[in-house]
Amino acid sequence: MLEKAVTKAHDDEAYAKHFEETLLQGSTIEIRECLSCFGDYFERSRDTPPYYPHHDAVNGIDGALYAILFDAALPSTEQAHE
């Protein structure tokens, strides 16, 4: 999904600005909204895996961004990764 967002940002200047702002300063909800053009975060579970592909992708991107921002803000702090 991140690749789709980057491709869209290359093709759409307005989306590129929104995407950049969201990545740099966005909350979980803003990230979810920014990526909503690629799927429904609250879609019903599928019958076979992946059960929540859009939901899982958004959460993965959000979690990775949080880890990057946390590390940048507090580089001397170790995070426990599960």
C-alpha atoms as a PDB file:
ATOM      1  CA  MET A   1       0.000   0.000   0.000  1.00  0.00           C
ATOM      2  CA  LEU A   2       2.864   2.370   0.728  1.00  0.00           C
ATOM      3  CA  GLU A   3       4.115   1.826  -2.816  1.00  0.00           C
ATOM      4  CA  LYS A   4       0.648   2.706  -4.154  1.00  0.00           C
ATOM      5  CA  ALA A   5       0.627   5.892  -2.073  1.00  0.00           C
ATOM      6  CA  VAL A   6       4.079   6.899  -3.324  1.00  0.00           C
ATOM      7  CA  THR A   7       3.019   6.258  -6.930  1.00  0.00           C
ATOM      8  CA  LYS A   8      -0.136   8.330  -6.431  1.00  0.00           C
ATOM      9  CA  ALA A   9       1.952  11.104  -4.878  1.00  0.00           C
ATOM     10  CA  HIS A  10       4.162  11.185  -7.992  1.00  0.00           C
ATOM     11  CA  ASP A  11       1.077  11.561 -10.204  1.00  0.00           C
ATOM     12  CA  ASP A  12      -1.051  13.891  -8.047  1.00  0.00           C
ATOM     13  CA  GLU A  13       0.506  17.058  -6.631  1.00  0.00           C
ATOM     14  CA  ALA A  14      -2.319  17.712  -4.157  1.00  0.00           C
ATOM     15  CA  TYR A  15      -2.117  14.165  -2.827  1.00  0.00           C
ATOM     16  CA  ALA A  16       1.677  14.446  -2.638  1.00  0.00           C
ATOM     17  CA  LYS A  17       1.419  17.477  -0.362  1.00  0.00           C
ATOM     18  CA  HIS A  18      -1.247  15.826   1.809  1.00  0.00           C
ATOM     19  CA  PHE A  19       0.737  12.567   1.958  1.00  0.00           C
ATOM     20  CA  GLU A  20       3.950  14.349   2.962  1.00  0.00           C
ATOM     21  CA  GLU A  21       2.222  16.369   5.683  1.00  0.00           C
ATOM     22  CA  THR A  22       0.520  13.250   6.994  1.00  0.00           C
ATOM     23  CA  LEU A  23       3.751  11.269   7.133  1.00  0.00           C
ATOM     24  CA  LEU A  24       5.602  14.063   8.896  1.00  0.00           C
ATOM     25  CA  GLN A  25       2.947  15.229  11.334  1.00  0.00           C
ATOM     26  CA  GLY A  26      -0.105  13.022  11.047  1.00  0.00           C
ATOM     27  CA  SER A  27      -1.856  11.092  13.741  1.00  0.00           C
ATOM     28  CA  THR A  28      -3.049   7.520  13.370  1.00  0.00           C
ATOM     29  CA  ILE A  29      -6.437   8.813  12.245  1.00  0.00           C
ATOM     30  CA  GLU A  30      -4.886  11.159   9.677  1.00  0.00           C
ATOM     31  CA  ILE A  31      -2.760   8.334   8.266  1.00  0.00           C
ATOM     32  CA  ARG A  32      -5.876   6.150   8.059  1.00  0.00           C
ATOM     33  CA  GLU A  33      -7.738   8.925   6.210  1.00  0.00           C
ATOM     34  CA  CYS A  34      -4.830   9.625   3.853  1.00  0.00           C
ATOM     35  CA  LEU A  35      -4.694   5.975   2.812  1.00  0.00           C
ATOM     36  CA  SER A  36      -8.481   5.566   2.573  1.00  0.00           C
ATOM     37  CA  CYS A  37      -8.400   5.973  -1.212  1.00  0.00           C
ATOM     38  CA  PHE A  38      -6.829   2.492  -1.362  1.00  0.00           C
ATOM     39  CA  GLY A  39      -9.415   0.642   0.712  1.00  0.00           C
ATOM     40  CA  ASP A  40     -11.814   0.667   3.632  1.00  0.00           C
ATOM     41  CA  TYR A  41     -10.145   0.504   7.038  1.00  0.00           C
ATOM     42  CA  PHE A  42     -13.374  -0.708   8.613  1.00  0.00           C
ATOM     43  CA  GLU A  43     -14.281  -3.312   5.989  1.00  0.00           C
ATOM     44  CA  ARG A  44     -15.792  -6.587   7.115  1.00  0.00           C
ATOM     45  CA  SER A  45     -13.510  -9.540   7.679  1.00  0.00           C
ATOM     46  CA  ARG A  46     -12.847 -11.729   4.658  1.00  0.00           C
ATOM     47  CA  ASP A  47     -13.479 -15.465   4.761  1.00  0.00           C
ATOM     48  CA  THR A  48      -9.860 -16.337   3.987  1.00  0.00           C
ATOM     49  CA  PRO A  49      -6.514 -14.753   4.853  1.00  0.00           C
ATOM     50  CA  PRO A  50      -5.643 -11.983   4.723  1.00  0.00           C
ATOM     51  CA  TYR A  51      -8.740 -11.211   6.760  1.00  0.00           C
ATOM     52  CA  TYR A  52      -8.174  -7.447   6.998  1.00  0.00           C
ATOM     53  CA  PRO A  53      -5.630  -6.539   4.283  1.00  0.00           C
ATOM     54  CA  HIS A  54      -6.221  -2.774   4.223  1.00  0.00           C
ATOM     55  CA  HIS A  55      -6.533  -2.514   8.005  1.00  0.00           C
ATOM     56  CA  ASP A  56      -3.337  -4.515   8.542  1.00  0.00           C
ATOM     57  CA  ALA A  57      -1.383  -2.509   5.949  1.00  0.00           C
ATOM     58  CA  VAL A  58      -2.442   0.827   7.458  1.00  0.00           C
ATOM     59  CA  ASN A  59      -1.563  -0.361  10.956  1.00  0.00           C
ATOM     60  CA  GLY A  60       1.831  -1.587   9.732  1.00  0.00           C
ATOM     61  CA  ILE A  61       2.626   1.755   8.115  1.00  0.00           C
ATOM     62  CA  ASP A  62       1.422   3.650  11.180  1.00  0.00           C
ATOM     63  CA  GLY A  63       3.471   1.460  13.517  1.00  0.00           C
ATOM     64  CA  ALA A  64       6.608   1.858  11.419  1.00  0.00           C
ATOM     65  CA  LEU A  65       6.209   5.639  11.280  1.00  0.00           C
ATOM     66  CA  TYR A  66       5.693   5.797  15.036  1.00  0.00           C
ATOM     67  CA  ALA A  67       8.876   3.770  15.598  1.00  0.00           C
ATOM     68  CA  ILE A  68      10.863   6.032  13.255  1.00  0.00           C
ATOM     69  CA  LEU A  69       9.531   9.222  14.853  1.00  0.00           C
ATOM     70  CA  PHE A  70      10.089   7.865  18.361  1.00  0.00           C
ATOM     71  CA  ASP A  71      13.669   6.910  17.518  1.00  0.00           C
ATOM     72  CA  ALA A  72      14.305  10.319  15.947  1.00  0.00           C
ATOM     73  CA  ALA A  73      12.890  12.132  18.974  1.00  0.00           C
ATOM     74  CA  LEU A  74      14.628   9.971  21.580  1.00  0.00           C
ATOM     75  CA  PRO A  75      17.608   8.270  19.896  1.00  0.00           C
ATOM     76  CA  SER A  76      19.147   7.111  23.167  1.00  0.00           C
ATOM     77  CA  THR A  77      15.987   5.257  24.234  1.00  0.00           C
ATOM     78  CA  GLU A  78      15.740   1.576  23.391  1.00  0.00           C
ATOM     79  CA  GLN A  79      12.363   0.273  22.278  1.00  0.00           C
ATOM     80  CA  ALA A  80      11.208  -3.230  23.039  1.00  0.00           C
ATOM     81  CA  HIS A  81      10.240  -4.756  19.698  1.00  0.00           C
ATOM     82  CA  GLU A  82       7.906  -7.710  19.684  1.00  0.00           C
END
